[in-house]
């Protein structure tokens, strides 16, 4: 009796509507939805003290900017790691 060859080690996937979707993609999608919900739920104004001026902004703007800065930093770190 012939044995079936093992599939190559690759990223974990799940089949959704006939398409293979990586678990990483699903996790990122869930985190994105939670981040958008959290930002939308926090609409009050906050005062932020920069080095000299103090500015008053809606909290959703501050959270969005923080999220975008974090994404850019993560993207640069991932590129740097991939080059090694």
N, C-alpha and C. Protein backbone atom coordinates (compact mmCIF):
# COMPACT_ATOMS: atom_id res chain seq x y z
N UNK A 1 0.83 -1.17 0.00
CA UNK A 1 0.00 0.00 0.00
C UNK A 1 0.88 1.23 0.00
N UNK A 2 0.66 2.14 -0.90
CA UNK A 2 1.47 3.34 -1.03
C UNK A 2 1.00 4.40 -0.03
N UNK A 3 1.98 5.07 0.57
CA UNK A 3 1.65 6.14 1.51
C UNK A 3 1.50 7.44 0.76
N UNK A 4 0.59 8.27 1.24
CA UNK A 4 0.41 9.59 0.63
C UNK A 4 1.54 10.50 1.10
N UNK A 5 2.10 11.26 0.18
CA UNK A 5 3.16 12.19 0.60
C UNK A 5 2.57 13.30 1.47
N UNK A 6 3.36 13.72 2.45
CA UNK A 6 2.93 14.80 3.33
C UNK A 6 2.99 16.13 2.58
N UNK A 7 2.02 17.01 2.83
CA UNK A 7 2.08 18.31 2.17
C UNK A 7 3.27 19.12 2.68
N UNK A 8 3.80 20.00 1.85
CA UNK A 8 4.94 20.80 2.31
C UNK A 8 4.50 21.73 3.44
N UNK A 9 5.46 22.03 4.31
CA UNK A 9 5.16 22.94 5.41
C UNK A 9 4.98 24.34 4.87
N UNK A 10 3.79 24.84 4.98
CA UNK A 10 3.47 26.17 4.50
C UNK A 10 2.60 26.86 5.53
N UNK A 11 2.10 28.02 5.19
CA UNK A 11 1.25 28.73 6.14
C UNK A 11 -0.06 27.98 6.35
N UNK A 12 -0.60 28.07 7.57
CA UNK A 12 -1.86 27.43 7.89
C UNK A 12 -2.99 28.12 7.15
N UNK A 13 -3.86 27.33 6.54
CA UNK A 13 -4.96 27.90 5.78
C UNK A 13 -6.28 27.26 6.20
N UNK A 14 -7.35 27.96 5.92
CA UNK A 14 -8.70 27.48 6.13
C UNK A 14 -9.44 27.71 4.82
N UNK A 15 -10.33 26.80 4.44
CA UNK A 15 -11.10 26.98 3.22
C UNK A 15 -12.39 27.72 3.54
N UNK A 16 -12.57 28.87 2.87
CA UNK A 16 -13.77 29.68 3.04
C UNK A 16 -14.39 29.87 1.67
N UNK A 17 -15.61 29.35 1.50
CA UNK A 17 -16.33 29.44 0.23
C UNK A 17 -15.47 28.95 -0.94
N UNK A 18 -14.75 27.86 -0.74
CA UNK A 18 -13.96 27.27 -1.80
C UNK A 18 -12.59 27.91 -2.01
N UNK A 19 -12.24 28.90 -1.20
CA UNK A 19 -10.94 29.57 -1.35
C UNK A 19 -10.09 29.31 -0.11
N UNK A 20 -8.82 29.09 -0.31
CA UNK A 20 -7.90 28.91 0.81
C UNK A 20 -7.53 30.29 1.37
N UNK A 21 -7.78 30.47 2.65
CA UNK A 21 -7.49 31.74 3.31
C UNK A 21 -6.52 31.46 4.45
N UNK A 22 -5.45 32.24 4.51
CA UNK A 22 -4.47 32.06 5.58
C UNK A 22 -5.04 32.49 6.91
N UNK A 23 -4.70 31.76 7.96
CA UNK A 23 -5.16 32.12 9.30
C UNK A 23 -4.64 33.50 9.70
N UNK A 24 -3.47 33.84 9.23
CA UNK A 24 -2.90 35.16 9.51
C UNK A 24 -3.79 36.27 8.94
N UNK A 25 -4.33 36.06 7.75
CA UNK A 25 -5.22 37.03 7.12
C UNK A 25 -6.50 37.19 7.92
N UNK A 26 -7.04 36.08 8.41
CA UNK A 26 -8.25 36.14 9.22
C UNK A 26 -7.97 36.89 10.52
N UNK A 27 -6.83 36.62 11.16
CA UNK A 27 -6.47 37.31 12.40
C UNK A 27 -6.30 38.80 12.21
N UNK A 28 -5.65 39.19 11.11
CA UNK A 28 -5.46 40.61 10.82
C UNK A 28 -6.81 41.28 10.55
N UNK A 29 -7.70 40.58 9.87
CA UNK A 29 -9.03 41.12 9.61
C UNK A 29 -9.81 41.35 10.89
N UNK A 30 -9.75 40.39 11.81
CA UNK A 30 -10.44 40.53 13.10
C UNK A 30 -9.86 41.70 13.89
N UNK A 31 -8.53 41.81 13.92
CA UNK A 31 -7.90 42.93 14.64
C UNK A 31 -8.27 44.27 14.01
N UNK A 32 -8.35 44.33 12.68
CA UNK A 32 -8.73 45.57 12.01
C UNK A 32 -10.15 45.97 12.37
N UNK A 33 -11.07 45.01 12.39
CA UNK A 33 -12.45 45.30 12.76
C UNK A 33 -12.54 45.79 14.20
N UNK A 34 -11.81 45.14 15.11
CA UNK A 34 -11.81 45.58 16.51
C UNK A 34 -11.22 46.98 16.66
N UNK A 35 -10.17 47.28 15.92
CA UNK A 35 -9.55 48.61 15.99
C UNK A 35 -10.51 49.68 15.48
N UNK A 36 -11.19 49.41 14.37
CA UNK A 36 -12.14 50.37 13.83
C UNK A 36 -13.30 50.58 14.80
N UNK A 37 -13.79 49.51 15.41
CA UNK A 37 -14.87 49.62 16.39
C UNK A 37 -14.42 50.44 17.59
N UNK A 38 -13.22 50.18 18.09
CA UNK A 38 -12.70 50.91 19.24
C UNK A 38 -12.54 52.40 18.92
N UNK A 39 -12.03 52.70 17.75
CA UNK A 39 -11.86 54.10 17.34
C UNK A 39 -13.22 54.78 17.20
N UNK A 40 -14.19 54.10 16.61
CA UNK A 40 -15.52 54.69 16.41
C UNK A 40 -16.25 54.90 17.73
N UNK A 41 -15.96 54.08 18.74
CA UNK A 41 -16.64 54.20 20.03
C UNK A 41 -16.07 55.33 20.88
N UNK A 42 -14.89 55.82 20.57
CA UNK A 42 -14.24 56.87 21.36
C UNK A 42 -14.22 58.16 20.55
N UNK A 43 -15.24 58.98 20.77
CA UNK A 43 -15.38 60.19 19.96
C UNK A 43 -15.20 61.47 20.76
N UNK A 44 -14.95 61.39 22.04
CA UNK A 44 -14.78 62.59 22.85
C UNK A 44 -13.51 63.34 22.49
N UNK A 45 -13.41 64.58 23.01
CA UNK A 45 -12.21 65.39 22.77
C UNK A 45 -11.21 65.20 23.88
N UNK A 46 -9.93 65.27 23.54
CA UNK A 46 -8.85 65.15 24.51
C UNK A 46 -7.83 66.25 24.25
N UNK A 47 -7.16 66.66 25.32
CA UNK A 47 -6.06 67.62 25.19
C UNK A 47 -4.76 66.85 25.21
N UNK A 48 -3.91 67.15 24.25
CA UNK A 48 -2.62 66.48 24.15
C UNK A 48 -1.54 67.54 24.22
N UNK A 49 -0.61 67.32 25.11
CA UNK A 49 0.48 68.27 25.24
C UNK A 49 1.66 67.77 24.43
N UNK A 50 1.95 68.51 23.38
CA UNK A 50 3.15 68.25 22.62
C UNK A 50 4.27 68.98 23.36
N UNK A 51 5.45 69.06 22.85
CA UNK A 51 6.55 69.64 23.62
C UNK A 51 6.23 71.06 24.08
N UNK A 52 5.71 71.86 23.22
CA UNK A 52 5.39 73.24 23.61
C UNK A 52 3.89 73.49 23.57
N UNK A 53 3.22 73.26 22.45
CA UNK A 53 1.79 73.58 22.43
C UNK A 53 0.93 72.45 23.03
N UNK A 54 -0.26 72.82 23.43
CA UNK A 54 -1.27 71.85 23.84
C UNK A 54 -2.40 71.94 22.82
N UNK A 55 -2.76 70.81 22.26
CA UNK A 55 -3.81 70.80 21.24
C UNK A 55 -4.99 69.97 21.75
N UNK A 56 -6.17 70.34 21.32
CA UNK A 56 -7.38 69.60 21.65
C UNK A 56 -7.91 68.99 20.36
N UNK A 57 -8.02 67.67 20.37
CA UNK A 57 -8.46 66.93 19.19
C UNK A 57 -9.49 65.89 19.60
N UNK A 58 -10.32 65.47 18.65
CA UNK A 58 -11.19 64.32 18.94
C UNK A 58 -10.32 63.07 19.17
N UNK A 59 -10.73 62.25 20.11
CA UNK A 59 -9.94 61.06 20.45
C UNK A 59 -9.82 60.11 19.26
N UNK A 60 -10.84 60.07 18.39
CA UNK A 60 -10.75 59.15 17.26
C UNK A 60 -9.61 59.54 16.31
N UNK A 61 -9.31 60.84 16.22
CA UNK A 61 -8.19 61.29 15.37
C UNK A 61 -6.87 60.81 15.97
N UNK A 62 -6.74 60.97 17.29
CA UNK A 62 -5.52 60.55 17.97
C UNK A 62 -5.32 59.04 17.83
N UNK A 63 -6.39 58.27 18.02
CA UNK A 63 -6.28 56.81 17.90
C UNK A 63 -5.96 56.38 16.47
N UNK A 64 -6.55 57.06 15.48
CA UNK A 64 -6.28 56.73 14.09
C UNK A 64 -4.82 57.01 13.73
N UNK A 65 -4.33 58.16 14.15
CA UNK A 65 -2.93 58.50 13.88
C UNK A 65 -2.00 57.51 14.57
N UNK A 66 -2.32 57.14 15.80
CA UNK A 66 -1.50 56.16 16.53
C UNK A 66 -1.50 54.82 15.83
N UNK A 67 -2.66 54.38 15.35
CA UNK A 67 -2.76 53.12 14.62
C UNK A 67 -1.93 53.16 13.34
N UNK A 68 -2.03 54.25 12.59
CA UNK A 68 -1.28 54.36 11.34
C UNK A 68 0.23 54.38 11.58
N UNK A 69 0.66 55.11 12.60
CA UNK A 69 2.10 55.15 12.93
C UNK A 69 2.57 53.74 13.33
N UNK A 70 1.77 53.03 14.11
CA UNK A 70 2.12 51.66 14.49
C UNK A 70 2.20 50.73 13.30
N UNK A 71 1.27 50.87 12.36
CA UNK A 71 1.30 50.05 11.15
C UNK A 71 2.55 50.33 10.32
N UNK A 72 2.92 51.59 10.18
CA UNK A 72 4.10 51.95 9.39
C UNK A 72 5.37 51.40 10.06
N UNK A 73 5.46 51.54 11.37
CA UNK A 73 6.64 51.02 12.09
C UNK A 73 6.71 49.50 11.94
N UNK A 74 5.57 48.82 12.10
CA UNK A 74 5.54 47.36 11.93
C UNK A 74 5.93 46.93 10.53
N UNK A 75 5.48 47.70 9.53
CA UNK A 75 5.81 47.38 8.14
C UNK A 75 7.31 47.52 7.90
N UNK A 76 7.92 48.61 8.42
CA UNK A 76 9.36 48.79 8.26
C UNK A 76 10.14 47.69 8.98
N UNK A 77 9.72 47.32 10.17
CA UNK A 77 10.42 46.26 10.91
C UNK A 77 10.29 44.92 10.19
N UNK A 78 9.12 44.63 9.62
CA UNK A 78 8.94 43.37 8.89
C UNK A 78 9.82 43.34 7.65
N UNK A 79 9.93 44.46 6.94
CA UNK A 79 10.80 44.52 5.76
C UNK A 79 12.25 44.31 6.16
N UNK A 80 12.65 44.93 7.27
CA UNK A 80 14.04 44.81 7.72
C UNK A 80 14.33 43.36 8.10
N UNK A 81 13.38 42.71 8.77
CA UNK A 81 13.57 41.32 9.18
C UNK A 81 13.64 40.40 7.97
N UNK A 82 12.84 40.67 6.95
CA UNK A 82 12.82 39.83 5.75
C UNK A 82 14.12 39.92 4.97
N UNK A 83 14.79 41.05 5.05
CA UNK A 83 16.06 41.23 4.31
C UNK A 83 17.20 40.43 4.93
N UNK A 84 17.07 40.06 6.20
CA UNK A 84 18.16 39.33 6.86
C UNK A 84 18.24 37.93 6.42
